[in-house]
Amino acid sequence: MSSREIQDLAGTVVDSLKFAAEGGNLSGKLALSSLPRLSDVLTTREGWLECHLSGSRSMGNGGQARSVLSLKVSGRLGLRCQRCLAVVWFDCIIDNRLLLIPEGADWPEDELESEEYDALPASREQSVRELVEEEVLLALPIVPRHADCLPPVALGEGEEANGSSPNGSSPFAALAGLKKH
């Protein structure tokens, strides 16, 4: 199978086992706005992910042929910092190999224990958009945050950012007065 460059991969569907057996190659872009589950965690839906999907066949540990998809994705994602709530930019770079498991086949535990592959059930109608979206979601940091920001400080009613009340006294001044009695 020859290499194909597709401007927008959003509607692209492949037969994953056939794609791997034929050594298929796809390259293109996916708009962030076309990824609904990912959009929920982004600060902006503007932008694209660069994607490359290729298929191959190789011999497994037991000498049996196995089908593999290689997925490369790159792009810049704006996430919400969980400390300061501002945008934190995440450079998403994915280079995964996915071992295709045909329907009804046993999952090869020994091969999956290595970190060389992740497993993926083979599909006759594998949506490239859904595959990329799933892999990007798995690659996101659990708690996105800036390396150098401080958590926000909750302000009480009538309290200013410096910790004092509008009349200039500290909210702890009243407690200090109680301690003297």
N, C-alpha and C. Protein backbone atom coordinates (compact mmCIF):
# COMPACT_ATOMS: atom_id res chain seq x y z
N MET A 1 0.86 -1.17 0.00
CA MET A 1 0.00 0.00 0.00
C MET A 1 0.90 1.23 0.00
N SER A 2 0.54 2.20 -0.74
CA SER A 2 1.36 3.41 -0.81
C SER A 2 1.03 4.35 0.34
N SER A 3 1.89 5.33 0.49
CA SER A 3 1.69 6.37 1.49
C SER A 3 0.63 7.34 1.01
N ARG A 4 -0.23 7.75 1.92
CA ARG A 4 -1.25 8.74 1.56
C ARG A 4 -1.16 9.91 2.51
N GLU A 5 -1.20 11.10 1.95
CA GLU A 5 -1.24 12.34 2.73
C GLU A 5 -2.68 12.83 2.66
N ILE A 6 -3.32 12.95 3.80
CA ILE A 6 -4.70 13.40 3.86
C ILE A 6 -4.73 14.68 4.69
N GLN A 7 -5.31 15.73 4.12
CA GLN A 7 -5.32 17.02 4.79
C GLN A 7 -5.99 16.93 6.17
N ASP A 8 -7.20 16.35 6.23
CA ASP A 8 -7.93 16.24 7.50
C ASP A 8 -8.32 14.78 7.70
N LEU A 9 -7.78 14.16 8.72
CA LEU A 9 -8.00 12.73 8.99
C LEU A 9 -9.30 12.44 9.73
N ALA A 10 -10.10 13.45 10.04
CA ALA A 10 -11.27 13.27 10.90
C ALA A 10 -12.22 12.18 10.43
N GLY A 11 -12.44 12.03 9.15
CA GLY A 11 -13.37 11.03 8.66
C GLY A 11 -12.72 9.75 8.16
N THR A 12 -11.43 9.60 8.39
CA THR A 12 -10.70 8.44 7.87
C THR A 12 -10.93 7.20 8.72
N VAL A 13 -11.26 6.11 8.05
CA VAL A 13 -11.50 4.81 8.70
C VAL A 13 -10.67 3.77 7.96
N VAL A 14 -10.03 2.87 8.73
CA VAL A 14 -9.23 1.80 8.12
C VAL A 14 -9.65 0.45 8.70
N ASP A 15 -9.45 -0.59 7.91
CA ASP A 15 -9.54 -1.97 8.40
C ASP A 15 -8.16 -2.24 9.00
N SER A 16 -8.06 -2.25 10.32
CA SER A 16 -6.75 -2.25 10.97
C SER A 16 -5.87 -3.44 10.59
N LEU A 17 -6.43 -4.66 10.52
CA LEU A 17 -5.62 -5.82 10.16
C LEU A 17 -5.16 -5.75 8.70
N LYS A 18 -6.04 -5.35 7.82
CA LYS A 18 -5.68 -5.22 6.40
C LYS A 18 -4.65 -4.10 6.22
N PHE A 19 -4.84 -2.99 6.92
CA PHE A 19 -3.92 -1.86 6.85
C PHE A 19 -2.52 -2.29 7.28
N ALA A 20 -2.44 -3.07 8.37
CA ALA A 20 -1.14 -3.56 8.86
C ALA A 20 -0.54 -4.55 7.87
N ALA A 21 -1.35 -5.49 7.37
CA ALA A 21 -0.86 -6.52 6.45
C ALA A 21 -0.31 -5.92 5.16
N GLU A 22 -0.92 -4.84 4.70
CA GLU A 22 -0.50 -4.20 3.46
C GLU A 22 0.58 -3.14 3.68
N GLY A 23 1.01 -2.94 4.92
CA GLY A 23 2.03 -1.93 5.20
C GLY A 23 1.55 -0.53 4.91
N GLY A 24 0.32 -0.24 5.27
CA GLY A 24 -0.29 1.06 5.00
C GLY A 24 0.40 2.21 5.71
N ASN A 25 0.31 3.39 5.12
CA ASN A 25 0.84 4.63 5.70
C ASN A 25 -0.14 5.76 5.45
N LEU A 26 -0.48 6.48 6.50
CA LEU A 26 -1.34 7.66 6.41
C LEU A 26 -0.68 8.79 7.16
N SER A 27 -0.71 9.97 6.59
CA SER A 27 -0.23 11.17 7.27
C SER A 27 -1.25 12.26 7.06
N GLY A 28 -1.39 13.12 8.05
CA GLY A 28 -2.32 14.23 7.92
C GLY A 28 -2.49 14.95 9.23
N LYS A 29 -3.55 15.74 9.30
CA LYS A 29 -3.83 16.54 10.48
C LYS A 29 -5.22 16.23 11.01
N LEU A 30 -5.37 16.49 12.31
CA LEU A 30 -6.69 16.41 12.94
C LEU A 30 -6.91 17.73 13.68
N ALA A 31 -8.02 18.37 13.39
CA ALA A 31 -8.37 19.61 14.09
C ALA A 31 -8.73 19.27 15.53
N LEU A 32 -8.24 20.08 16.47
CA LEU A 32 -8.60 19.87 17.88
C LEU A 32 -10.11 19.95 18.07
N SER A 33 -10.78 20.77 17.27
CA SER A 33 -12.23 20.91 17.39
C SER A 33 -12.98 19.64 16.96
N SER A 34 -12.29 18.71 16.27
CA SER A 34 -12.94 17.46 15.85
C SER A 34 -12.81 16.35 16.89
N LEU A 35 -12.19 16.66 18.03
CA LEU A 35 -11.95 15.67 19.07
C LEU A 35 -12.78 16.03 20.31
N PRO A 36 -14.03 15.58 20.39
CA PRO A 36 -14.94 16.04 21.44
C PRO A 36 -14.50 15.71 22.87
N ARG A 37 -13.98 14.52 23.10
CA ARG A 37 -13.56 14.17 24.47
C ARG A 37 -12.34 14.97 24.89
N LEU A 38 -11.41 15.19 23.98
CA LEU A 38 -10.22 15.98 24.27
C LEU A 38 -10.59 17.44 24.47
N SER A 39 -11.55 17.93 23.70
CA SER A 39 -11.95 19.33 23.79
C SER A 39 -12.42 19.71 25.19
N ASP A 40 -12.96 18.74 25.91
CA ASP A 40 -13.44 19.00 27.27
C ASP A 40 -12.33 19.44 28.23
N VAL A 41 -11.09 19.06 27.97
CA VAL A 41 -9.99 19.41 28.88
C VAL A 41 -9.09 20.52 28.34
N LEU A 42 -9.41 21.02 27.15
CA LEU A 42 -8.58 22.06 26.54
C LEU A 42 -9.11 23.46 26.86
N THR A 43 -8.21 24.42 26.90
CA THR A 43 -8.62 25.81 27.08
C THR A 43 -9.00 26.44 25.76
N THR A 44 -8.50 25.89 24.66
CA THR A 44 -8.86 26.36 23.33
C THR A 44 -8.96 25.17 22.39
N ARG A 45 -9.93 25.24 21.50
CA ARG A 45 -10.13 24.15 20.53
C ARG A 45 -9.50 24.50 19.20
N GLU A 46 -8.74 25.57 19.17
CA GLU A 46 -8.08 26.00 17.94
C GLU A 46 -6.76 25.26 17.80
N GLY A 47 -6.44 24.85 16.60
CA GLY A 47 -5.17 24.18 16.36
C GLY A 47 -5.36 22.80 15.79
N TRP A 48 -4.23 22.15 15.53
CA TRP A 48 -4.20 20.86 14.86
C TRP A 48 -3.22 19.93 15.53
N LEU A 49 -3.44 18.65 15.33
CA LEU A 49 -2.47 17.62 15.68
C LEU A 49 -1.93 17.05 14.38
N GLU A 50 -0.62 16.91 14.28
CA GLU A 50 0.02 16.25 13.15
C GLU A 50 0.02 14.75 13.46
N CYS A 51 -0.41 13.93 12.51
CA CYS A 51 -0.55 12.50 12.76
C CYS A 51 0.08 11.68 11.64
N HIS A 52 0.65 10.56 12.04
CA HIS A 52 1.17 9.59 11.07
C HIS A 52 0.84 8.19 11.60
N LEU A 53 0.16 7.41 10.79
CA LEU A 53 -0.21 6.04 11.15
C LEU A 53 0.37 5.11 10.10
N SER A 54 1.08 4.08 10.55
CA SER A 54 1.63 3.09 9.62
C SER A 54 1.35 1.69 10.18
N GLY A 55 1.25 0.75 9.28
CA GLY A 55 0.98 -0.63 9.65
C GLY A 55 2.11 -1.54 9.21
N SER A 56 2.28 -2.64 9.93
CA SER A 56 3.31 -3.61 9.57
C SER A 56 2.96 -4.97 10.15
N ARG A 57 3.67 -5.97 9.68
CA ARG A 57 3.55 -7.33 10.22
C ARG A 57 4.94 -7.76 10.62
N SER A 58 5.03 -8.48 11.73
CA SER A 58 6.32 -9.00 12.19
C SER A 58 6.09 -10.32 12.90
N MET A 59 7.16 -10.97 13.26
CA MET A 59 7.06 -12.25 13.95
C MET A 59 7.08 -12.03 15.45
N GLY A 60 6.18 -12.71 16.15
CA GLY A 60 6.11 -12.61 17.59
C GLY A 60 7.09 -13.56 18.27
N ASN A 61 7.07 -13.56 19.60
CA ASN A 61 7.96 -14.42 20.38
C ASN A 61 7.78 -15.90 20.07
N GLY A 62 6.56 -16.32 19.80
CA GLY A 62 6.29 -17.72 19.53
C GLY A 62 6.40 -18.07 18.06
N GLY A 63 6.90 -17.16 17.24
CA GLY A 63 7.06 -17.42 15.82
C GLY A 63 5.81 -17.14 15.00
N GLN A 64 4.74 -16.65 15.64
CA GLN A 64 3.52 -16.36 14.90
C GLN A 64 3.57 -14.90 14.41
N ALA A 65 2.94 -14.68 13.26
CA ALA A 65 2.88 -13.33 12.69
C ALA A 65 1.96 -12.46 13.54
N ARG A 66 2.32 -11.22 13.69
CA ARG A 66 1.48 -10.29 14.44
C ARG A 66 1.36 -9.00 13.65
N SER A 67 0.25 -8.35 13.81
CA SER A 67 -0.03 -7.09 13.12
C SER A 67 0.18 -5.94 14.10
N VAL A 68 0.84 -4.90 13.60
CA VAL A 68 1.19 -3.77 14.46
C VAL A 68 0.85 -2.46 13.76
N LEU A 69 0.30 -1.52 14.52
CA LEU A 69 0.12 -0.15 14.05
C LEU A 69 1.11 0.73 14.79
N SER A 70 1.77 1.61 14.07
CA SER A 70 2.65 2.61 14.69
C SER A 70 1.97 3.96 14.54
N LEU A 71 1.81 4.65 15.65
CA LEU A 71 1.11 5.94 15.65
C LEU A 71 2.03 7.01 16.19
N LYS A 72 2.20 8.06 15.41
CA LYS A 72 2.97 9.23 15.84
C LYS A 72 2.05 10.43 15.78
N VAL A 73 2.02 11.19 16.87
CA VAL A 73 1.17 12.38 16.97
C VAL A 73 1.99 13.48 17.63
N SER A 74 1.84 14.69 17.11
CA SER A 74 2.49 15.83 17.76
C SER A 74 1.59 17.05 17.64
N GLY A 75 1.67 17.89 18.65
CA GLY A 75 0.88 19.11 18.66
C GLY A 75 1.02 19.80 20.01
N ARG A 76 0.55 21.03 20.07
CA ARG A 76 0.62 21.82 21.30
C ARG A 76 -0.79 22.01 21.82
N LEU A 77 -0.99 21.62 23.07
CA LEU A 77 -2.32 21.67 23.68
C LEU A 77 -2.34 22.65 24.85
N GLY A 78 -3.36 23.46 24.91
CA GLY A 78 -3.56 24.37 26.04
C GLY A 78 -4.44 23.71 27.08
N LEU A 79 -3.85 23.40 28.23
CA LEU A 79 -4.59 22.77 29.33
C LEU A 79 -4.78 23.78 30.45
N ARG A 80 -5.64 23.48 31.40
CA ARG A 80 -5.89 24.36 32.54
C ARG A 80 -5.00 23.93 33.69
N CYS A 81 -4.14 24.84 34.16
CA CYS A 81 -3.27 24.56 35.30
C CYS A 81 -4.16 24.33 36.52
N GLN A 82 -3.94 23.25 37.24
CA GLN A 82 -4.77 22.91 38.38
C GLN A 82 -4.37 23.66 39.65
N ARG A 83 -3.34 24.49 39.55
CA ARG A 83 -2.96 25.33 40.70
C ARG A 83 -3.45 26.75 40.52
N CYS A 84 -3.06 27.39 39.42
CA CYS A 84 -3.38 28.80 39.24
C CYS A 84 -4.55 29.01 38.28
N LEU A 85 -5.00 27.97 37.61
CA LEU A 85 -6.13 27.97 36.68
C LEU A 85 -5.86 28.73 35.38
N ALA A 86 -4.61 29.12 35.14
CA ALA A 86 -4.24 29.75 33.87
C ALA A 86 -3.89 28.66 32.86
N VAL A 87 -3.64 29.06 31.63
CA VAL A 87 -3.28 28.10 30.59
C VAL A 87 -1.86 27.59 30.82
N VAL A 88 -1.70 26.28 30.73
CA VAL A 88 -0.38 25.68 30.74
C VAL A 88 -0.26 24.92 29.42
N TRP A 89 0.80 25.21 28.66
CA TRP A 89 0.98 24.60 27.36
C TRP A 89 1.67 23.25 27.50
N PHE A 90 1.12 22.26 26.82
CA PHE A 90 1.63 20.89 26.87
C PHE A 90 2.03 20.48 25.45
N ASP A 91 3.30 20.17 25.27
CA ASP A 91 3.77 19.67 23.97
C ASP A 91 3.51 18.17 23.92
N CYS A 92 2.49 17.80 23.16
CA CYS A 92 2.07 16.41 23.04
C CYS A 92 2.91 15.73 21.96
N ILE A 93 3.70 14.74 22.37
CA ILE A 93 4.51 13.97 21.42
C ILE A 93 4.28 12.49 21.74
N ILE A 94 3.65 11.81 20.81
CA ILE A 94 3.31 10.39 20.99
C ILE A 94 4.01 9.58 19.91
N ASP A 95 4.62 8.50 20.32
CA ASP A 95 5.23 7.55 19.37
C ASP A 95 4.95 6.16 19.94
N ASN A 96 3.77 5.61 19.59
CA ASN A 96 3.31 4.34 20.17
C ASN A 96 3.24 3.24 19.12
N ARG A 97 3.49 2.04 19.58
CA ARG A 97 3.29 0.84 18.76
C ARG A 97 2.15 0.06 19.38
N LEU A 98 1.16 -0.26 18.57
CA LEU A 98 -0.05 -0.91 19.04
C LEU A 98 -0.16 -2.30 18.41
N LEU A 99 -0.14 -3.31 19.25
CA LEU A 99 -0.27 -4.70 18.81
C LEU A 99 -1.76 -4.99 18.61
N LEU A 100 -2.13 -5.34 17.39
CA LEU A 100 -3.53 -5.61 17.07
C LEU A 100 -3.90 -7.02 17.50
N ILE A 101 -4.98 -7.12 18.24
CA ILE A 101 -5.46 -8.42 18.72
C ILE A 101 -6.74 -8.75 17.96
N PRO A 102 -6.69 -9.77 17.08
CA PRO A 102 -7.89 -10.13 16.31
C PRO A 102 -9.01 -10.60 17.23
N GLU A 103 -10.25 -10.40 16.78
CA GLU A 103 -11.42 -10.81 17.56
C GLU A 103 -11.35 -12.30 17.86
N GLY A 104 -11.55 -12.67 19.11
CA GLY A 104 -11.53 -14.07 19.53
C GLY A 104 -10.15 -14.62 19.85
N ALA A 105 -9.10 -13.89 19.53
CA ALA A 105 -7.74 -14.36 19.81
C ALA A 105 -7.38 -14.09 21.27
N ASP A 106 -6.50 -14.94 21.80
CA ASP A 106 -6.01 -14.74 23.16
C ASP A 106 -5.05 -13.55 23.19
N TRP A 107 -5.11 -12.80 24.26
CA TRP A 107 -4.19 -11.67 24.42
C TRP A 107 -2.85 -12.22 24.87
N PRO A 108 -1.78 -11.98 24.13
CA PRO A 108 -0.47 -12.54 24.45
C PRO A 108 0.18 -11.82 25.64
N GLU A 109 -0.03 -12.39 26.82
CA GLU A 109 0.44 -11.77 28.06
C GLU A 109 1.94 -11.49 28.06
N ASP A 110 2.75 -12.44 27.55
CA ASP A 110 4.20 -12.25 27.59
C ASP A 110 4.64 -11.06 26.75
N GLU A 111 4.02 -10.85 25.60
CA GLU A 111 4.40 -9.72 24.76
C GLU A 111 3.87 -8.41 25.33
N LEU A 112 2.73 -8.44 25.98
CA LEU A 112 2.15 -7.22 26.52
C LEU A 112 2.82 -6.78 27.81
N GLU A 113 3.55 -7.68 28.46
CA GLU A 113 4.27 -7.30 29.67
C GLU A 113 5.44 -6.39 29.35
N SER A 114 5.98 -6.49 28.14
CA SER A 114 7.05 -5.58 27.76
C SER A 114 6.42 -4.22 27.45
N GLU A 115 7.22 -3.20 27.50
CA GLU A 115 6.70 -1.87 27.25
C GLU A 115 6.82 -1.49 25.78
N GLU A 116 7.13 -2.48 24.94
CA GLU A 116 7.31 -2.21 23.51
C GLU A 116 5.97 -1.93 22.83
N TYR A 117 4.89 -2.57 23.29
CA TYR A 117 3.59 -2.45 22.65
C TYR A 117 2.51 -2.15 23.67
N ASP A 118 1.45 -1.51 23.18
CA ASP A 118 0.17 -1.47 23.87
C ASP A 118 -0.76 -2.32 23.02
N ALA A 119 -1.77 -2.91 23.62
CA ALA A 119 -2.69 -3.77 22.87
C ALA A 119 -3.88 -2.97 22.38
N LEU A 120 -4.40 -3.38 21.25
CA LEU A 120 -5.57 -2.73 20.66
C LEU A 120 -6.39 -3.80 19.96
N PRO A 121 -7.68 -3.92 20.29
CA PRO A 121 -8.50 -4.88 19.55
C PRO A 121 -8.56 -4.49 18.07
N ALA A 122 -8.35 -5.44 17.19
CA ALA A 122 -8.43 -5.17 15.75
C ALA A 122 -9.86 -4.81 15.38
N SER A 123 -9.98 -3.94 14.39
CA SER A 123 -11.31 -3.49 13.96
C SER A 123 -11.33 -3.35 12.44
N ARG A 124 -12.45 -3.75 11.85
CA ARG A 124 -12.60 -3.57 10.40
C ARG A 124 -12.90 -2.11 10.07
N GLU A 125 -13.37 -1.37 11.06
CA GLU A 125 -13.71 0.04 10.85
C GLU A 125 -13.08 0.87 11.96
N GLN A 126 -11.75 0.94 11.95
CA GLN A 126 -11.02 1.70 12.96
C GLN A 126 -10.98 3.17 12.56
N SER A 127 -11.62 4.00 13.36
CA SER A 127 -11.61 5.44 13.12
C SER A 127 -10.25 5.99 13.54
N VAL A 128 -9.57 6.64 12.62
CA VAL A 128 -8.27 7.23 12.95
C VAL A 128 -8.46 8.34 13.99
N ARG A 129 -9.52 9.12 13.85
CA ARG A 129 -9.80 10.19 14.81
C ARG A 129 -9.96 9.64 16.23
N GLU A 130 -10.74 8.58 16.39
CA GLU A 130 -10.96 8.00 17.71
C GLU A 130 -9.68 7.39 18.28
N LEU A 131 -8.89 6.76 17.42
CA LEU A 131 -7.62 6.17 17.86
C LEU A 131 -6.67 7.26 18.36
N VAL A 132 -6.54 8.32 17.59
CA VAL A 132 -5.65 9.42 17.99
C VAL A 132 -6.16 10.08 19.27
N GLU A 133 -7.45 10.33 19.35
CA GLU A 133 -8.02 10.98 20.53
C GLU A 133 -7.76 10.15 21.79
N GLU A 134 -7.96 8.84 21.70
CA GLU A 134 -7.73 7.96 22.85
C GLU A 134 -6.27 8.00 23.28
N GLU A 135 -5.35 7.93 22.34
CA GLU A 135 -3.92 7.93 22.68
C GLU A 135 -3.50 9.29 23.26
N VAL A 136 -4.05 10.38 22.76
CA VAL A 136 -3.72 11.70 23.30
C VAL A 136 -4.25 11.83 24.73
N LEU A 137 -5.48 11.39 24.96
CA LEU A 137 -6.04 11.45 26.32
C LEU A 137 -5.18 10.65 27.31
N LEU A 138 -4.69 9.50 26.87
CA LEU A 138 -3.83 8.69 27.74
C LEU A 138 -2.47 9.35 28.00
N ALA A 139 -2.03 10.20 27.09
CA ALA A 139 -0.71 10.85 27.21
C ALA A 139 -0.76 12.13 28.05
N LEU A 140 -1.95 12.66 28.33
CA LEU A 140 -2.05 13.91 29.08
C LEU A 140 -1.58 13.73 30.52
N PRO A 141 -1.02 14.79 31.09
CA PRO A 141 -0.65 14.70 32.51
C PRO A 141 -1.92 14.57 33.36
N ILE A 142 -1.83 13.82 34.44
CA ILE A 142 -2.98 13.62 35.31
C ILE A 142 -3.40 14.94 35.93
N VAL A 143 -2.43 15.71 36.38
CA VAL A 143 -2.69 17.02 36.98
C VAL A 143 -1.82 18.05 36.25
N PRO A 144 -2.37 18.69 35.21
CA PRO A 144 -1.58 19.69 34.50
C PRO A 144 -1.31 20.90 35.40
N ARG A 145 -0.06 21.35 35.42
CA ARG A 145 0.27 22.54 36.21
C ARG A 145 1.62 23.08 35.77
N HIS A 146 1.79 24.35 36.02
CA HIS A 146 3.07 25.00 35.76
C HIS A 146 4.08 24.49 36.78
N ALA A 147 5.32 24.47 36.43
CA ALA A 147 6.36 24.00 37.35
C ALA A 147 6.61 25.01 38.47
N ASP A 148 6.28 26.26 38.24
CA ASP A 148 6.66 27.31 39.19
C ASP A 148 5.50 28.16 39.71
N CYS A 149 4.27 27.69 39.64
CA CYS A 149 3.18 28.51 40.15
C CYS A 149 2.74 28.06 41.53
N LEU A 150 2.11 28.96 42.24
CA LEU A 150 1.62 28.68 43.58
C LEU A 150 0.12 28.46 43.51
N PRO A 151 -0.42 27.67 44.43
CA PRO A 151 -1.87 27.47 44.42
C PRO A 151 -2.58 28.78 44.75
N PRO A 152 -3.80 28.96 44.24
CA PRO A 152 -4.55 30.18 44.55
C PRO A 152 -4.90 30.23 46.03
N VAL A 153 -5.00 31.44 46.54
CA VAL A 153 -5.36 31.65 47.94
C VAL A 153 -6.80 32.11 47.98
N ALA A 154 -7.62 31.43 48.76
CA ALA A 154 -9.02 31.82 48.88
C ALA A 154 -9.11 33.05 49.77
N LEU A 155 -9.87 34.03 49.32
CA LEU A 155 -10.05 35.25 50.08
C LEU A 155 -11.39 35.19 50.80
N GLY A 156 -11.38 35.61 52.04
CA GLY A 156 -12.62 35.68 52.80
C GLY A 156 -13.40 36.90 52.39
N GLU A 157 -14.65 37.02 52.86
CA GLU A 157 -15.49 38.16 52.51
C GLU A 157 -14.88 39.44 53.06
N GLY A 158 -14.72 40.42 52.22
CA GLY A 158 -14.14 41.71 52.63
C GLY A 158 -12.63 41.66 52.76
N GLU A 159 -12.01 40.58 52.44
CA GLU A 159 -10.57 40.43 52.58
C GLU A 159 -9.89 40.77 51.26
N GLU A 160 -8.74 41.43 51.34
CA GLU A 160 -7.99 41.77 50.14
C GLU A 160 -6.88 40.77 49.92
N ALA A 161 -6.25 40.83 48.75
CA ALA A 161 -5.24 39.85 48.37
C ALA A 161 -4.04 39.82 49.30
N ASN A 162 -3.74 40.88 50.02
CA ASN A 162 -2.59 40.89 50.92
C ASN A 162 -2.89 40.28 52.29
N GLY A 163 -4.13 39.79 52.49
CA GLY A 163 -4.48 39.12 53.74
C GLY A 163 -5.05 40.04 54.79
N SER A 164 -5.19 41.33 54.48
CA SER A 164 -5.76 42.24 55.46
C SER A 164 -7.18 42.59 55.06
N SER A 165 -7.92 43.09 56.02
CA SER A 165 -9.28 43.52 55.73
C SER A 165 -9.23 44.95 55.22
N PRO A 166 -10.32 45.44 54.62
CA PRO A 166 -10.32 46.77 54.03
C PRO A 166 -9.94 47.88 55.01
N ASN A 167 -10.19 47.69 56.31
CA ASN A 167 -9.86 48.75 57.28
C ASN A 167 -8.39 48.70 57.72
N GLY A 168 -7.60 47.76 57.15
CA GLY A 168 -6.16 47.72 57.41
C GLY A 168 -5.75 46.76 58.50
N SER A 169 -6.68 46.23 59.28
CA SER A 169 -6.28 45.31 60.35
C SER A 169 -6.21 43.88 59.81
N SER A 170 -5.42 43.09 60.45
CA SER A 170 -5.27 41.70 60.06
C SER A 170 -6.46 40.91 60.58
N PRO A 171 -6.91 39.90 59.85
CA PRO A 171 -8.02 39.09 60.34
C PRO A 171 -7.65 38.32 61.62
N PHE A 172 -6.34 38.22 61.90
CA PHE A 172 -5.91 37.52 63.11
C PHE A 172 -5.81 38.45 64.31
N ALA A 173 -5.97 39.75 64.12
CA ALA A 173 -5.90 40.70 65.22
C ALA A 173 -6.98 40.41 66.25
N ALA A 174 -8.17 40.07 65.81
CA ALA A 174 -9.27 39.75 66.73
C ALA A 174 -8.94 38.51 67.54
N LEU A 175 -8.28 37.53 66.93
CA LEU A 175 -7.89 36.33 67.66
C LEU A 175 -6.82 36.65 68.70
N ALA A 176 -5.89 37.50 68.35
CA ALA A 176 -4.85 37.90 69.30
C ALA A 176 -5.46 38.58 70.52
N GLY A 177 -6.51 39.37 70.30
CA GLY A 177 -7.20 40.03 71.41
C GLY A 177 -7.88 39.02 72.32
N LEU A 178 -8.42 37.97 71.78
CA LEU A 178 -9.08 36.95 72.58
C LEU A 178 -8.07 36.17 73.42
N LYS A 179 -6.87 36.01 72.89
CA LYS A 179 -5.83 35.24 73.58
C LYS A 179 -5.37 35.96 74.86
N LYS A 180 -5.44 37.28 74.86
CA LYS A 180 -5.01 38.07 76.03
C LYS A 180 -5.98 37.92 77.19
N HIS A 181 -7.20 37.57 76.93
CA HIS A 181 -8.21 37.48 78.00
C HIS A 181 -8.25 36.18 78.64
